[in-house]
């Protein structure tokens, strides 16, 4: 990591926050804000991410176009278990602290982080995040993306989104409560290279077991 990247990635909130623009959205629990990062901070993070060992995401027997890396926990779609992963790296500490201040959730609760690369034309199909996670916060870098939402479970034959949000570079979003559990989301094919950094908190009843063993997920009525 270069000295420039380190300095920019760990700088305190400055001019970018002065121009932050909150947006009112139709689903309780979804929050979105532009200009969460400065252009310099974005460039520093992209410089670091471009050097990471990103791998094509594996979903059971097939691989997605997205290249990713997981920290803190990695979900195995074959066994349906959240497995331990490498700890969150130091270059993400300052960003996690910023996200914690913005979201009102203590940074110690953000146990898992996920970095994804969306090359031109990459999309993400309809889904909800796995039940091991509670709050989800994402930061967009480089290119923009359109995130679409529809109620969950979807109505039979309902393919169109109920609403969509254009995620600008350097923006941040959060999904909590109703937006997290009662809606699905998808990402339309990207028009240019994009990266996303996602932080997640563990849901109640999800506990880390011994190293090398999966996280335990209790049913909601067991918590």
C-alpha atoms as a PDB file:
ATOM      1  CA  UNK A   1       0.000   0.000   0.000  1.00  0.00           C
ATOM      2  CA  UNK A   2       1.409   3.412  -0.931  1.00  0.00           C
ATOM      3  CA  UNK A   3       1.815   6.220   1.576  1.00  0.00           C
ATOM      4  CA  UNK A   4      -0.713   8.269  -0.404  1.00  0.00           C
ATOM      5  CA  UNK A   5      -3.272   5.482  -0.267  1.00  0.00           C
ATOM      6  CA  UNK A   6      -2.758   4.979   3.443  1.00  0.00           C
ATOM      7  CA  UNK A   7      -3.146   8.664   4.234  1.00  0.00           C
ATOM      8  CA  UNK A   8      -6.256   9.126   2.128  1.00  0.00           C
ATOM      9  CA  UNK A   9      -7.921   5.930   3.280  1.00  0.00           C
ATOM     10  CA  UNK A  10      -7.514   6.862   6.945  1.00  0.00           C
ATOM     11  CA  UNK A  11      -8.280  10.586   6.758  1.00  0.00           C
ATOM     12  CA  UNK A  12     -11.022  12.041   8.944  1.00  0.00           C
ATOM     13  CA  UNK A  13     -14.400  13.066   7.467  1.00  0.00           C
ATOM     14  CA  UNK A  14     -13.869  16.366   5.739  1.00  0.00           C
ATOM     15  CA  UNK A  15     -15.238  18.196   2.743  1.00  0.00           C
ATOM     16  CA  UNK A  16     -17.186  15.224   1.370  1.00  0.00           C
ATOM     17  CA  UNK A  17     -19.514  15.200   4.371  1.00  0.00           C
ATOM     18  CA  UNK A  18     -20.297  18.902   3.969  1.00  0.00           C
ATOM     19  CA  UNK A  19     -21.938  18.157   0.620  1.00  0.00           C
ATOM     20  CA  UNK A  20     -23.656  14.908   1.619  1.00  0.00           C
ATOM     21  CA  UNK A  21     -27.209  14.635   0.310  1.00  0.00           C
ATOM     22  CA  UNK A  22     -29.718  12.426   2.181  1.00  0.00           C
ATOM     23  CA  UNK A  23     -32.572  10.948   0.154  1.00  0.00           C
ATOM     24  CA  UNK A  24     -36.114  10.054   1.175  1.00  0.00           C
ATOM     25  CA  UNK A  25     -37.053   6.574  -0.033  1.00  0.00           C
ATOM     26  CA  UNK A  26     -40.335   4.642   0.085  1.00  0.00           C
ATOM     27  CA  UNK A  27     -39.173   1.740   2.265  1.00  0.00           C
ATOM     28  CA  UNK A  28     -38.602   2.150   6.026  1.00  0.00           C
ATOM     29  CA  UNK A  29     -35.103   1.108   6.968  1.00  0.00           C
ATOM     30  CA  UNK A  30     -33.424   2.064   3.683  1.00  0.00           C
ATOM     31  CA  UNK A  31     -31.096   5.032   3.838  1.00  0.00           C
ATOM     32  CA  UNK A  32     -28.970   6.467   1.041  1.00  0.00           C
ATOM     33  CA  UNK A  33     -26.531   9.360   0.898  1.00  0.00           C
ATOM     34  CA  UNK A  34     -24.259  10.699  -1.821  1.00  0.00           C
ATOM     35  CA  UNK A  35     -20.715  12.022  -1.409  1.00  0.00           C
ATOM     36  CA  UNK A  36     -19.957   9.936   1.659  1.00  0.00           C
ATOM     37  CA  UNK A  37     -16.323   9.779   0.524  1.00  0.00           C
ATOM     38  CA  UNK A  38     -14.144  12.353  -1.171  1.00  0.00           C
ATOM     39  CA  UNK A  39     -12.665  11.666  -4.605  1.00  0.00           C
ATOM     40  CA  UNK A  40      -9.236  11.280  -2.991  1.00  0.00           C
ATOM     41  CA  UNK A  41     -10.517   8.707  -0.495  1.00  0.00           C
ATOM     42  CA  UNK A  42     -12.253   6.803  -3.264  1.00  0.00           C
ATOM     43  CA  UNK A  43      -9.083   6.730  -5.378  1.00  0.00           C
ATOM     44  CA  UNK A  44      -7.030   5.462  -2.450  1.00  0.00           C
ATOM     45  CA  UNK A  45      -9.438   2.611  -1.750  1.00  0.00           C
ATOM     46  CA  UNK A  46      -9.632   1.634  -5.428  1.00  0.00           C
ATOM     47  CA  UNK A  47      -5.837   1.564  -5.559  1.00  0.00           C
ATOM     48  CA  UNK A  48      -5.735  -0.885  -2.657  1.00  0.00           C
ATOM     49  CA  UNK A  49      -8.623  -3.049  -3.876  1.00  0.00           C
ATOM     50  CA  UNK A  50      -7.072  -3.391  -7.334  1.00  0.00           C
ATOM     51  CA  UNK A  51      -4.155  -5.205  -5.689  1.00  0.00           C
ATOM     52  CA  UNK A  52      -6.287  -7.685  -3.718  1.00  0.00           C
ATOM     53  CA  UNK A  53      -6.627 -11.348  -4.619  1.00  0.00           C
ATOM     54  CA  UNK A  54     -10.232 -11.168  -5.789  1.00  0.00           C
ATOM     55  CA  UNK A  55     -11.814 -14.453  -6.850  1.00  0.00           C
ATOM     56  CA  UNK A  56     -14.946 -15.266  -8.852  1.00  0.00           C
ATOM     57  CA  UNK A  57     -17.838 -15.759  -6.441  1.00  0.00           C
ATOM     58  CA  UNK A  58     -18.874 -19.412  -6.157  1.00  0.00           C
ATOM     59  CA  UNK A  59     -22.596 -20.228  -5.954  1.00  0.00           C
ATOM     60  CA  UNK A  60     -22.958 -23.973  -5.602  1.00  0.00           C
ATOM     61  CA  UNK A  61     -21.957 -25.468  -8.979  1.00  0.00           C
ATOM     62  CA  UNK A  62     -21.480 -22.223 -10.895  1.00  0.00           C
ATOM     63  CA  UNK A  63     -19.347 -19.118 -10.683  1.00  0.00           C
ATOM     64  CA  UNK A  64     -20.605 -15.559 -10.937  1.00  0.00           C
ATOM     65  CA  UNK A  65     -19.015 -12.786 -12.983  1.00  0.00           C
ATOM     66  CA  UNK A  66     -18.344 -10.842  -9.816  1.00  0.00           C
ATOM     67  CA  UNK A  67     -14.907 -11.175  -8.265  1.00  0.00           C
ATOM     68  CA  UNK A  68     -14.986 -10.925  -4.490  1.00  0.00           C
ATOM     69  CA  UNK A  69     -13.177 -11.282  -1.188  1.00  0.00           C
ATOM     70  CA  UNK A  70     -14.743 -11.796   2.247  1.00  0.00           C
ATOM     71  CA  UNK A  71     -13.460 -10.805   5.669  1.00  0.00           C
ATOM     72  CA  UNK A  72     -14.741 -11.924   9.055  1.00  0.00           C
ATOM     73  CA  UNK A  73     -17.131 -14.480   7.583  1.00  0.00           C
ATOM     74  CA  UNK A  74     -17.670 -16.220   4.244  1.00  0.00           C
ATOM     75  CA  UNK A  75     -20.918 -17.936   3.296  1.00  0.00           C
ATOM     76  CA  UNK A  76     -20.740 -21.417   1.795  1.00  0.00           C
ATOM     77  CA  UNK A  77     -23.685 -21.807  -0.603  1.00  0.00           C
ATOM     78  CA  UNK A  78     -23.193 -25.578  -0.753  1.00  0.00           C
ATOM     79  CA  UNK A  79     -23.441 -26.235   2.986  1.00  0.00           C
ATOM     80  CA  UNK A  80     -25.491 -23.089   3.732  1.00  0.00           C
ATOM     81  CA  UNK A  81     -23.114 -22.142   6.526  1.00  0.00           C
ATOM     82  CA  UNK A  82     -21.327 -18.929   7.386  1.00  0.00           C
ATOM     83  CA  UNK A  83     -17.694 -19.887   7.798  1.00  0.00           C
ATOM     84  CA  UNK A  84     -14.919 -17.842   9.434  1.00  0.00           C
ATOM     85  CA  UNK A  85     -12.716 -15.867   7.044  1.00  0.00           C
ATOM     86  CA  UNK A  86      -9.623 -13.705   7.292  1.00  0.00           C
ATOM     87  CA  UNK A  87     -10.064 -10.800   9.731  1.00  0.00           C
ATOM     88  CA  UNK A  88     -11.076  -7.392   8.436  1.00  0.00           C
ATOM     89  CA  UNK A  89      -7.834  -5.751   7.197  1.00  0.00           C
ATOM     90  CA  UNK A  90      -6.416  -2.568   8.634  1.00  0.00           C
ATOM     91  CA  UNK A  91      -7.046  -0.507   5.498  1.00  0.00           C
ATOM     92  CA  UNK A  92     -10.796  -0.846   6.157  1.00  0.00           C
ATOM     93  CA  UNK A  93     -10.681   0.232   9.817  1.00  0.00           C
ATOM     94  CA  UNK A  94     -11.125   3.954   9.171  1.00  0.00           C
ATOM     95  CA  UNK A  95     -13.954   3.324   6.722  1.00  0.00           C
ATOM     96  CA  UNK A  96     -15.678   1.052   9.237  1.00  0.00           C
ATOM     97  CA  UNK A  97     -15.424   3.767  11.889  1.00  0.00           C
ATOM     98  CA  UNK A  98     -16.942   6.313   9.492  1.00  0.00           C
ATOM     99  CA  UNK A  99     -19.766   3.907   8.648  1.00  0.00           C
ATOM    100  CA  UNK A 100     -20.410   3.275  12.343  1.00  0.00           C
ATOM    101  CA  UNK A 101     -20.730   7.000  13.022  1.00  0.00           C
ATOM    102  CA  UNK A 102     -23.038   7.440  10.035  1.00  0.00           C
ATOM    103  CA  UNK A 103     -25.262   4.446  10.833  1.00  0.00           C
ATOM    104  CA  UNK A 104     -25.371   4.839  14.603  1.00  0.00           C
ATOM    105  CA  UNK A 105     -24.188   1.246  15.100  1.00  0.00           C
ATOM    106  CA  UNK A 106     -21.017   0.614  17.092  1.00  0.00           C
ATOM    107  CA  UNK A 107     -18.145  -0.384  14.821  1.00  0.00           C
ATOM    108  CA  UNK A 108     -17.491  -3.509  16.908  1.00  0.00           C
ATOM    109  CA  UNK A 109     -20.836  -4.832  15.612  1.00  0.00           C
ATOM    110  CA  UNK A 110     -19.643  -4.770  11.998  1.00  0.00           C
ATOM    111  CA  UNK A 111     -18.107  -8.228  12.119  1.00  0.00           C
ATOM    112  CA  UNK A 112     -18.056  -9.031   8.404  1.00  0.00           C
ATOM    113  CA  UNK A 113     -16.927  -7.140   5.324  1.00  0.00           C
ATOM    114  CA  UNK A 114     -17.252  -8.020   1.647  1.00  0.00           C
ATOM    115  CA  UNK A 115     -15.578  -6.422  -1.367  1.00  0.00           C
ATOM    116  CA  UNK A 116     -16.971  -7.037  -4.856  1.00  0.00           C
ATOM    117  CA  UNK A 117     -15.774  -6.070  -8.307  1.00  0.00           C
ATOM    118  CA  UNK A 118     -18.418  -5.446 -10.978  1.00  0.00           C
ATOM    119  CA  UNK A 119     -16.830  -5.422 -14.399  1.00  0.00           C
ATOM    120  CA  UNK A 120     -18.793  -3.836 -17.236  1.00  0.00           C
ATOM    121  CA  UNK A 121     -22.046  -5.741 -17.763  1.00  0.00           C
ATOM    122  CA  UNK A 122     -21.977  -7.514 -14.386  1.00  0.00           C
ATOM    123  CA  UNK A 123     -25.311  -7.876 -12.627  1.00  0.00           C
ATOM    124  CA  UNK A 124     -26.639  -9.342  -9.390  1.00  0.00           C
ATOM    125  CA  UNK A 125     -29.925 -11.238  -9.369  1.00  0.00           C
ATOM    126  CA  UNK A 126     -32.851 -10.924  -6.990  1.00  0.00           C
ATOM    127  CA  UNK A 127     -32.014 -11.948  -3.435  1.00  0.00           C
ATOM    128  CA  UNK A 128     -32.072 -11.125   0.235  1.00  0.00           C
ATOM    129  CA  UNK A 129     -28.908 -11.325   2.294  1.00  0.00           C
ATOM    130  CA  UNK A 130     -28.477 -14.543   4.264  1.00  0.00           C
ATOM    131  CA  UNK A 131     -30.281 -14.657   7.663  1.00  0.00           C
ATOM    132  CA  UNK A 132     -27.008 -14.708   9.584  1.00  0.00           C
ATOM    133  CA  UNK A 133     -26.733 -10.953   8.972  1.00  0.00           C
ATOM    134  CA  UNK A 134     -28.846  -8.102  10.328  1.00  0.00           C
ATOM    135  CA  UNK A 135     -27.854  -4.591   9.186  1.00  0.00           C
ATOM    136  CA  UNK A 136     -26.211  -4.153   5.781  1.00  0.00           C
ATOM    137  CA  UNK A 137     -24.234  -1.060   4.738  1.00  0.00           C
ATOM    138  CA  UNK A 138     -22.564  -0.612   1.354  1.00  0.00           C
ATOM    139  CA  UNK A 139     -20.200   1.963  -0.162  1.00  0.00           C
ATOM    140  CA  UNK A 140     -19.880   2.334  -3.957  1.00  0.00           C
ATOM    141  CA  UNK A 141     -16.602   3.098  -5.728  1.00  0.00           C
ATOM    142  CA  UNK A 142     -15.645   3.984  -9.333  1.00  0.00           C
ATOM    143  CA  UNK A 143     -18.698   3.249 -11.514  1.00  0.00           C
ATOM    144  CA  UNK A 144     -22.360   3.730 -10.686  1.00  0.00           C
ATOM    145  CA  UNK A 145     -25.063   1.060 -10.353  1.00  0.00           C
ATOM    146  CA  UNK A 146     -28.819   0.759 -10.232  1.00  0.00           C
ATOM    147  CA  UNK A 147     -30.189  -1.156  -7.240  1.00  0.00           C
ATOM    148  CA  UNK A 148     -33.763  -2.388  -7.705  1.00  0.00           C
ATOM    149  CA  UNK A 149     -36.204  -3.437  -4.983  1.00  0.00           C
ATOM    150  CA  UNK A 150     -39.332  -5.568  -4.823  1.00  0.00           C
ATOM    151  CA  UNK A 151     -41.344  -6.923  -1.859  1.00  0.00           C
ATOM    152  CA  UNK A 152     -40.415 -10.284  -0.365  1.00  0.00           C
ATOM    153  CA  UNK A 153     -41.749 -12.829  -0.925  1.00  0.00           C
ATOM    154  CA  UNK A 154     -42.366 -11.670  -4.509  1.00  0.00           C
ATOM    155  CA  UNK A 155     -45.840 -12.035  -5.960  1.00  0.00           C
ATOM    156  CA  UNK A 156     -46.282 -14.741  -8.612  1.00  0.00           C
ATOM    157  CA  UNK A 157     -45.344 -13.321 -12.001  1.00  0.00           C
ATOM    158  CA  UNK A 158     -43.987 -10.096 -10.514  1.00  0.00           C
ATOM    159  CA  UNK A 159     -40.690  -9.386 -12.249  1.00  0.00           C
ATOM    160  CA  UNK A 160     -40.494  -5.629 -12.238  1.00  0.00           C
ATOM    161  CA  UNK A 161     -38.983  -3.658  -9.401  1.00  0.00           C
ATOM    162  CA  UNK A 162     -41.231  -1.622  -7.143  1.00  0.00           C
ATOM    163  CA  UNK A 163     -38.604   1.111  -7.089  1.00  0.00           C
ATOM    164  CA  UNK A 164     -34.921   1.625  -7.899  1.00  0.00           C
ATOM    165  CA  UNK A 165     -32.045   3.672  -6.513  1.00  0.00           C
ATOM    166  CA  UNK A 166     -29.071   4.825  -8.567  1.00  0.00           C
ATOM    167  CA  UNK A 167     -25.960   4.267  -6.468  1.00  0.00           C
ATOM    168  CA  UNK A 168     -23.450   6.970  -7.316  1.00  0.00           C
ATOM    169  CA  UNK A 169     -19.696   6.573  -6.853  1.00  0.00           C
ATOM    170  CA  UNK A 170     -18.650   7.499  -3.294  1.00  0.00           C
ATOM    171  CA  UNK A 171     -22.197   7.039  -1.990  1.00  0.00           C
ATOM    172  CA  UNK A 172     -23.379   4.920   0.928  1.00  0.00           C
ATOM    173  CA  UNK A 173     -26.579   3.010   1.641  1.00  0.00           C
ATOM    174  CA  UNK A 174     -27.961   1.065   4.592  1.00  0.00           C
ATOM    175  CA  UNK A 175     -30.616  -1.643   4.777  1.00  0.00           C
ATOM    176  CA  UNK A 176     -32.180  -2.255   8.168  1.00  0.00           C
ATOM    177  CA  UNK A 177     -35.538  -3.388   9.570  1.00  0.00           C
ATOM    178  CA  UNK A 178     -38.241  -3.594   6.863  1.00  0.00           C
ATOM    179  CA  UNK A 179     -35.850  -2.831   3.994  1.00  0.00           C
ATOM    180  CA  UNK A 180     -33.609  -5.652   5.149  1.00  0.00           C
ATOM    181  CA  UNK A 181     -36.174  -8.389   5.777  1.00  0.00           C
ATOM    182  CA  UNK A 182     -39.296  -7.566   3.755  1.00  0.00           C
ATOM    183  CA  UNK A 183     -37.702  -6.631   0.424  1.00  0.00           C
ATOM    184  CA  UNK A 184     -35.424  -8.247  -2.143  1.00  0.00           C
ATOM    185  CA  UNK A 185     -32.879  -6.319  -4.146  1.00  0.00           C
ATOM    186  CA  UNK A 186     -30.946  -6.764  -7.382  1.00  0.00           C
ATOM    187  CA  UNK A 187     -28.257  -4.845  -9.267  1.00  0.00           C
ATOM    188  CA  UNK A 188     -28.750  -4.130 -12.973  1.00  0.00           C
ATOM    189  CA  UNK A 189     -25.853  -4.776 -15.414  1.00  0.00           C
ATOM    190  CA  UNK A 190     -23.192  -2.168 -14.759  1.00  0.00           C
ATOM    191  CA  UNK A 191     -22.096   0.235 -17.476  1.00  0.00           C
ATOM    192  CA  UNK A 192     -18.515   0.556 -16.235  1.00  0.00           C
ATOM    193  CA  UNK A 193     -16.123  -0.977 -13.717  1.00  0.00           C
ATOM    194  CA  UNK A 194     -17.476  -0.636 -10.189  1.00  0.00           C
ATOM    195  CA  UNK A 195     -16.413  -1.780  -6.735  1.00  0.00           C
ATOM    196  CA  UNK A 196     -18.516  -2.100  -3.614  1.00  0.00           C
ATOM    197  CA  UNK A 197     -17.468  -2.448   0.017  1.00  0.00           C
ATOM    198  CA  UNK A 198     -20.154  -3.930   2.246  1.00  0.00           C
ATOM    199  CA  UNK A 199     -20.182  -4.198   6.027  1.00  0.00           C
ATOM    200  CA  UNK A 200     -22.687  -6.361   7.892  1.00  0.00           C
ATOM    201  CA  UNK A 201     -23.639  -6.959  11.505  1.00  0.00           C
ATOM    202  CA  UNK A 202     -24.493 -10.423  12.765  1.00  0.00           C
ATOM    203  CA  UNK A 203     -28.157 -11.168  13.412  1.00  0.00           C
ATOM    204  CA  UNK A 204     -29.306 -12.023  16.917  1.00  0.00           C
ATOM    205  CA  UNK A 205     -28.564 -15.673  17.583  1.00  0.00           C
ATOM    206  CA  UNK A 206     -25.597 -15.833  15.213  1.00  0.00           C
ATOM    207  CA  UNK A 207     -22.481 -16.632  17.217  1.00  0.00           C
ATOM    208  CA  UNK A 208     -18.908 -17.450  16.297  1.00  0.00           C
ATOM    209  CA  UNK A 209     -17.833 -20.963  17.182  1.00  0.00           C
ATOM    210  CA  UNK A 210     -14.287 -22.245  17.395  1.00  0.00           C
ATOM    211  CA  UNK A 211     -11.866 -21.313  14.632  1.00  0.00           C
ATOM    212  CA  UNK A 212     -12.527 -23.310  11.478  1.00  0.00           C
ATOM    213  CA  UNK A 213     -16.112 -24.136  12.404  1.00  0.00           C
ATOM    214  CA  UNK A 214     -19.186 -22.414  11.028  1.00  0.00           C
ATOM    215  CA  UNK A 215     -21.056 -19.604  12.709  1.00  0.00           C
ATOM    216  CA  UNK A 216     -24.177 -20.848  14.471  1.00  0.00           C
ATOM    217  CA  UNK A 217     -27.510 -19.409  13.372  1.00  0.00           C
ATOM    218  CA  UNK A 218     -30.457 -19.892  15.752  1.00  0.00           C
ATOM    219  CA  UNK A 219     -34.036 -19.522  14.616  1.00  0.00           C
ATOM    220  CA  UNK A 220     -35.623 -16.217  15.580  1.00  0.00           C
ATOM    221  CA  UNK A 221     -37.968 -17.917  18.036  1.00  0.00           C
ATOM    222  CA  UNK A 222     -34.950 -19.464  19.776  1.00  0.00           C
ATOM    223  CA  UNK A 223     -33.228 -16.154  20.456  1.00  0.00           C
END
